């Protein structure tokens, strides 16, 4: 069940997916210009990076509108957050879940769509 207010339902439902087309990076945030939720997530990751320098790497920010395949697959879900190639959240990001995914790895394996 997808909960619109919190993208972590992706984890609970087992519908984890790799970023397609693939993008290299430990932490990837798929965003769009003018997206206030994207700005909030990028800001949260920046704050967590300052607080946990040894754990939180520099994220790779990917513009969903720069690639037609990304836009068609993820355009309605930005921001989309991947850790180690696995979707951990979209629309919002919970700090504890993000830090746990970095520390322990995503809790469920990525599945092919």
N, C-alpha and C. Protein backbone atom coordinates (compact mmCIF):
# COMPACT_ATOMS: atom_id res chain seq x y z
N UNK A 1 0.84 -1.18 0.00
CA UNK A 1 0.00 0.00 0.00
C UNK A 1 0.88 1.24 0.00
N UNK A 2 0.69 2.11 -0.98
CA UNK A 2 1.47 3.34 -1.08
C UNK A 2 0.80 4.41 -0.24
N UNK A 3 1.56 5.05 0.62
CA UNK A 3 1.03 6.16 1.40
C UNK A 3 1.58 7.44 0.80
N UNK A 4 0.70 8.31 0.33
CA UNK A 4 1.13 9.52 -0.37
C UNK A 4 1.93 10.44 0.53
N UNK A 5 1.68 10.47 1.81
CA UNK A 5 2.40 11.38 2.68
C UNK A 5 3.78 10.86 3.05
N UNK A 6 4.09 9.63 2.75
CA UNK A 6 5.40 9.10 3.15
C UNK A 6 5.81 7.99 2.20
N UNK A 7 6.86 8.22 1.44
CA UNK A 7 7.32 7.26 0.45
C UNK A 7 7.92 6.00 1.02
N UNK A 8 8.08 5.89 2.34
CA UNK A 8 8.66 4.69 2.92
C UNK A 8 7.75 3.49 2.74
N UNK A 9 6.54 3.70 2.30
CA UNK A 9 5.67 2.56 2.02
C UNK A 9 6.31 1.65 0.97
N UNK A 10 7.19 2.20 0.15
CA UNK A 10 7.89 1.39 -0.84
C UNK A 10 8.70 0.29 -0.15
N UNK A 11 9.33 0.63 0.96
CA UNK A 11 10.09 -0.37 1.71
C UNK A 11 9.17 -1.42 2.30
N UNK A 12 8.09 -0.99 2.91
CA UNK A 12 7.19 -1.91 3.59
C UNK A 12 6.50 -2.85 2.62
N UNK A 13 6.22 -2.36 1.42
CA UNK A 13 5.48 -3.19 0.47
C UNK A 13 6.38 -4.15 -0.30
N UNK A 14 7.71 -3.99 -0.16
CA UNK A 14 8.63 -4.84 -0.89
C UNK A 14 8.82 -4.43 -2.33
N UNK A 15 8.33 -3.26 -2.72
CA UNK A 15 8.43 -2.82 -4.10
C UNK A 15 9.66 -1.94 -4.31
N UNK A 16 10.80 -2.37 -3.83
CA UNK A 16 12.03 -1.62 -4.03
C UNK A 16 12.49 -1.80 -5.46
N UNK A 17 13.00 -0.72 -6.04
CA UNK A 17 13.43 -0.79 -7.44
C UNK A 17 14.75 -0.06 -7.62
N UNK A 18 15.60 -0.56 -8.48
CA UNK A 18 16.83 0.16 -8.80
C UNK A 18 16.52 1.35 -9.69
N UNK A 19 17.39 2.33 -9.67
CA UNK A 19 17.24 3.49 -10.52
C UNK A 19 17.44 3.07 -11.97
N UNK A 20 16.50 3.43 -12.81
CA UNK A 20 16.58 3.07 -14.22
C UNK A 20 16.22 4.29 -15.04
N UNK A 21 17.08 4.82 -15.89
CA UNK A 21 18.40 4.29 -16.22
C UNK A 21 19.37 4.44 -15.05
N UNK A 22 20.38 3.58 -15.00
CA UNK A 22 21.30 3.58 -13.87
C UNK A 22 22.12 4.86 -13.78
N UNK A 23 22.38 5.28 -12.54
CA UNK A 23 23.22 6.44 -12.24
C UNK A 23 24.17 5.99 -11.14
N UNK A 24 25.45 6.34 -11.26
CA UNK A 24 26.43 5.94 -10.27
C UNK A 24 26.39 6.88 -9.07
N UNK A 25 26.51 6.32 -7.88
CA UNK A 25 26.59 7.11 -6.66
C UNK A 25 26.02 6.34 -5.48
N UNK A 26 26.59 6.55 -4.31
CA UNK A 26 26.10 5.87 -3.10
C UNK A 26 24.75 6.40 -2.68
N UNK A 27 24.59 7.74 -2.69
CA UNK A 27 23.31 8.39 -2.39
C UNK A 27 22.91 9.19 -3.61
N UNK A 28 21.74 8.88 -4.15
CA UNK A 28 21.23 9.58 -5.32
C UNK A 28 19.88 10.17 -4.96
N UNK A 29 19.72 11.46 -5.26
CA UNK A 29 18.44 12.13 -5.05
C UNK A 29 17.96 12.62 -6.40
N UNK A 30 16.85 12.09 -6.85
CA UNK A 30 16.25 12.50 -8.12
C UNK A 30 15.31 13.66 -7.80
N UNK A 31 15.58 14.81 -8.42
CA UNK A 31 14.85 16.04 -8.09
C UNK A 31 14.31 16.70 -9.36
N UNK A 32 13.73 17.87 -9.16
CA UNK A 32 13.24 18.69 -10.26
C UNK A 32 13.30 20.14 -9.79
N UNK A 33 13.61 21.04 -10.71
CA UNK A 33 13.64 22.47 -10.37
C UNK A 33 12.26 22.91 -9.94
N UNK A 34 12.22 23.76 -8.91
CA UNK A 34 10.96 24.30 -8.42
C UNK A 34 10.17 23.37 -7.53
N UNK A 35 10.74 22.25 -7.15
CA UNK A 35 10.06 21.26 -6.30
C UNK A 35 10.41 21.53 -4.84
N UNK A 36 9.43 21.99 -4.06
CA UNK A 36 9.71 22.32 -2.66
C UNK A 36 10.04 21.08 -1.84
N UNK A 37 9.44 19.95 -2.15
CA UNK A 37 9.79 18.72 -1.44
C UNK A 37 11.23 18.31 -1.72
N UNK A 38 11.65 18.51 -2.97
CA UNK A 38 13.04 18.22 -3.34
C UNK A 38 14.00 19.08 -2.53
N UNK A 39 13.68 20.38 -2.43
CA UNK A 39 14.52 21.29 -1.66
C UNK A 39 14.61 20.85 -0.21
N UNK A 40 13.49 20.40 0.36
CA UNK A 40 13.49 19.94 1.75
C UNK A 40 14.38 18.71 1.94
N UNK A 41 14.28 17.75 1.04
CA UNK A 41 15.08 16.53 1.15
C UNK A 41 16.56 16.83 0.95
N UNK A 42 16.89 17.63 -0.04
CA UNK A 42 18.30 17.99 -0.27
C UNK A 42 18.84 18.72 0.96
N UNK A 43 18.05 19.61 1.55
CA UNK A 43 18.46 20.32 2.76
C UNK A 43 18.66 19.38 3.93
N UNK A 44 17.77 18.42 4.10
CA UNK A 44 17.91 17.45 5.18
C UNK A 44 19.18 16.63 5.01
N UNK A 45 19.45 16.17 3.80
CA UNK A 45 20.66 15.37 3.56
C UNK A 45 21.90 16.22 3.81
N UNK A 46 21.88 17.50 3.43
CA UNK A 46 23.02 18.39 3.69
C UNK A 46 23.24 18.54 5.20
N UNK A 47 22.15 18.71 5.96
CA UNK A 47 22.27 18.84 7.42
C UNK A 47 22.81 17.54 8.02
N UNK A 48 22.28 16.42 7.59
CA UNK A 48 22.75 15.13 8.10
C UNK A 48 24.21 14.88 7.73
N UNK A 49 24.60 15.37 6.58
CA UNK A 49 26.00 15.22 6.16
C UNK A 49 26.93 16.00 7.10
N UNK A 50 26.50 17.18 7.52
CA UNK A 50 27.30 17.97 8.46
C UNK A 50 27.38 17.28 9.82
N UNK A 51 26.28 16.67 10.24
CA UNK A 51 26.22 16.03 11.56
C UNK A 51 26.89 14.66 11.57
N UNK A 52 26.95 13.99 10.44
CA UNK A 52 27.46 12.62 10.36
C UNK A 52 28.44 12.50 9.18
N UNK A 53 29.50 13.27 9.22
CA UNK A 53 30.44 13.35 8.09
C UNK A 53 31.03 12.00 7.69
N UNK A 54 31.26 11.13 8.66
CA UNK A 54 31.86 9.83 8.35
C UNK A 54 30.86 8.85 7.74
N UNK A 55 29.57 9.15 7.85
CA UNK A 55 28.54 8.23 7.39
C UNK A 55 27.85 8.69 6.12
N UNK A 56 27.56 9.99 6.03
CA UNK A 56 26.74 10.51 4.93
C UNK A 56 27.64 11.08 3.84
N UNK A 57 27.67 10.45 2.67
CA UNK A 57 28.49 10.96 1.57
C UNK A 57 27.80 12.11 0.84
N UNK A 58 28.55 12.78 0.02
CA UNK A 58 27.98 13.81 -0.86
C UNK A 58 26.97 13.12 -1.78
N UNK A 59 25.72 13.61 -1.80
CA UNK A 59 24.75 12.97 -2.68
C UNK A 59 24.94 13.38 -4.14
N UNK A 60 24.56 12.51 -5.04
CA UNK A 60 24.50 12.87 -6.44
C UNK A 60 23.07 13.35 -6.69
N UNK A 61 22.93 14.58 -7.16
CA UNK A 61 21.62 15.16 -7.46
C UNK A 61 21.37 14.98 -8.95
N UNK A 62 20.25 14.36 -9.29
CA UNK A 62 19.90 14.07 -10.68
C UNK A 62 18.60 14.78 -11.00
N UNK A 63 18.60 15.58 -12.08
CA UNK A 63 17.40 16.28 -12.53
C UNK A 63 16.54 15.31 -13.33
N UNK A 64 15.36 15.01 -12.82
CA UNK A 64 14.47 14.04 -13.46
C UNK A 64 14.06 14.48 -14.86
N UNK A 65 14.03 15.79 -15.11
CA UNK A 65 13.59 16.30 -16.40
C UNK A 65 14.70 16.33 -17.45
N UNK A 66 15.93 15.97 -17.06
CA UNK A 66 17.04 15.97 -18.00
C UNK A 66 17.09 14.69 -18.84
N UNK A 67 16.27 13.72 -18.48
CA UNK A 67 16.29 12.44 -19.17
C UNK A 67 14.86 11.93 -19.30
N UNK A 68 14.45 11.66 -20.52
CA UNK A 68 13.06 11.23 -20.76
C UNK A 68 12.70 9.95 -20.02
N UNK A 69 13.63 8.99 -19.97
CA UNK A 69 13.36 7.74 -19.26
C UNK A 69 13.17 7.98 -17.76
N UNK A 70 14.04 8.81 -17.18
CA UNK A 70 13.88 9.14 -15.76
C UNK A 70 12.55 9.85 -15.52
N UNK A 71 12.23 10.81 -16.36
CA UNK A 71 11.00 11.58 -16.20
C UNK A 71 9.77 10.67 -16.28
N UNK A 72 9.76 9.75 -17.24
CA UNK A 72 8.58 8.90 -17.38
C UNK A 72 8.45 7.92 -16.21
N UNK A 73 9.57 7.49 -15.66
CA UNK A 73 9.51 6.50 -14.57
C UNK A 73 9.35 7.14 -13.19
N UNK A 74 10.05 8.26 -12.93
CA UNK A 74 10.11 8.82 -11.59
C UNK A 74 9.53 10.23 -11.48
N UNK A 75 9.09 10.82 -12.58
CA UNK A 75 8.64 12.21 -12.58
C UNK A 75 7.53 12.53 -11.61
N UNK A 76 6.64 11.59 -11.35
CA UNK A 76 5.53 11.83 -10.43
C UNK A 76 5.90 11.56 -8.97
N UNK A 77 7.13 11.14 -8.72
CA UNK A 77 7.51 10.73 -7.36
C UNK A 77 8.63 11.57 -6.75
N UNK A 78 9.10 12.60 -7.42
CA UNK A 78 10.23 13.37 -6.89
C UNK A 78 9.87 14.05 -5.58
N UNK A 79 10.84 14.17 -4.69
CA UNK A 79 12.18 13.62 -4.78
C UNK A 79 12.17 12.11 -4.54
N UNK A 80 13.10 11.44 -5.22
CA UNK A 80 13.27 9.99 -5.07
C UNK A 80 14.67 9.77 -4.53
N UNK A 81 14.79 9.00 -3.45
CA UNK A 81 16.07 8.82 -2.78
C UNK A 81 16.50 7.35 -2.88
N UNK A 82 17.72 7.15 -3.38
CA UNK A 82 18.32 5.83 -3.50
C UNK A 82 19.57 5.77 -2.63
N UNK A 83 19.78 4.66 -1.96
CA UNK A 83 21.02 4.38 -1.24
C UNK A 83 21.55 3.06 -1.78
N UNK A 84 22.78 3.09 -2.23
CA UNK A 84 23.41 1.90 -2.81
C UNK A 84 22.55 1.27 -3.90
N UNK A 85 21.93 2.12 -4.71
CA UNK A 85 21.15 1.65 -5.84
C UNK A 85 19.75 1.16 -5.52
N UNK A 86 19.34 1.27 -4.26
CA UNK A 86 18.02 0.80 -3.85
C UNK A 86 17.15 1.98 -3.43
N UNK A 87 15.94 2.01 -3.94
CA UNK A 87 14.98 3.03 -3.55
C UNK A 87 14.67 2.89 -2.07
N UNK A 88 14.87 3.98 -1.31
CA UNK A 88 14.50 3.93 0.10
C UNK A 88 13.32 4.84 0.41
N UNK A 89 13.06 5.84 -0.45
CA UNK A 89 11.95 6.74 -0.16
C UNK A 89 11.67 7.63 -1.35
N UNK A 90 10.46 8.15 -1.39
CA UNK A 90 10.14 9.24 -2.32
C UNK A 90 9.15 10.17 -1.64
N UNK A 91 9.08 11.39 -2.14
CA UNK A 91 8.28 12.51 -1.63
C UNK A 91 8.81 13.06 -0.31
N UNK A 92 9.15 12.21 0.64
CA UNK A 92 9.71 12.67 1.91
C UNK A 92 10.86 11.76 2.29
N UNK A 93 11.63 12.19 3.30
CA UNK A 93 12.73 11.36 3.77
C UNK A 93 12.79 11.43 5.28
N UNK A 94 12.77 10.28 5.91
CA UNK A 94 12.92 10.17 7.36
C UNK A 94 14.40 10.04 7.68
N UNK A 95 14.92 10.93 8.54
CA UNK A 95 16.35 10.96 8.84
C UNK A 95 16.83 9.63 9.40
N UNK A 96 16.09 9.03 10.32
CA UNK A 96 16.53 7.77 10.93
C UNK A 96 16.60 6.63 9.92
N UNK A 97 15.63 6.57 9.04
CA UNK A 97 15.62 5.53 8.00
C UNK A 97 16.79 5.72 7.04
N UNK A 98 17.06 6.97 6.68
CA UNK A 98 18.17 7.28 5.78
C UNK A 98 19.50 6.88 6.41
N UNK A 99 19.71 7.29 7.67
CA UNK A 99 20.96 6.96 8.35
C UNK A 99 21.11 5.45 8.53
N UNK A 100 20.02 4.79 8.84
CA UNK A 100 20.06 3.33 8.98
C UNK A 100 20.43 2.65 7.67
N UNK A 101 19.87 3.13 6.56
CA UNK A 101 20.19 2.55 5.25
C UNK A 101 21.67 2.74 4.93
N UNK A 102 22.24 3.87 5.32
CA UNK A 102 23.66 4.11 5.08
C UNK A 102 24.53 3.24 5.99
N UNK A 103 24.10 3.11 7.23
CA UNK A 103 24.89 2.37 8.22
C UNK A 103 24.79 0.86 7.99
N UNK A 104 23.57 0.38 7.78
CA UNK A 104 23.33 -1.07 7.74
C UNK A 104 23.00 -1.60 6.35
N UNK A 105 22.84 -0.70 5.38
CA UNK A 105 22.38 -1.09 4.06
C UNK A 105 20.86 -1.08 4.02
N UNK A 106 20.29 -0.90 2.85
CA UNK A 106 18.83 -0.94 2.74
C UNK A 106 18.30 -2.26 3.29
N UNK A 107 17.15 -2.22 3.96
CA UNK A 107 16.66 -3.39 4.68
C UNK A 107 16.10 -4.48 3.79
N UNK A 108 15.77 -4.17 2.56
CA UNK A 108 15.25 -5.17 1.63
C UNK A 108 16.07 -5.11 0.35
N UNK A 109 16.25 -6.24 -0.33
CA UNK A 109 17.03 -6.21 -1.57
C UNK A 109 16.28 -5.50 -2.69
N UNK A 110 17.02 -4.91 -3.59
CA UNK A 110 16.42 -4.30 -4.78
C UNK A 110 15.82 -5.40 -5.64
N UNK A 111 14.72 -5.10 -6.26
CA UNK A 111 14.10 -6.06 -7.17
C UNK A 111 14.00 -5.43 -8.54
N UNK A 112 14.09 -6.24 -9.55
CA UNK A 112 13.95 -5.72 -10.90
C UNK A 112 12.49 -5.47 -11.18
N UNK A 113 12.18 -4.36 -11.86
CA UNK A 113 10.78 -4.06 -12.16
C UNK A 113 10.22 -5.04 -13.18
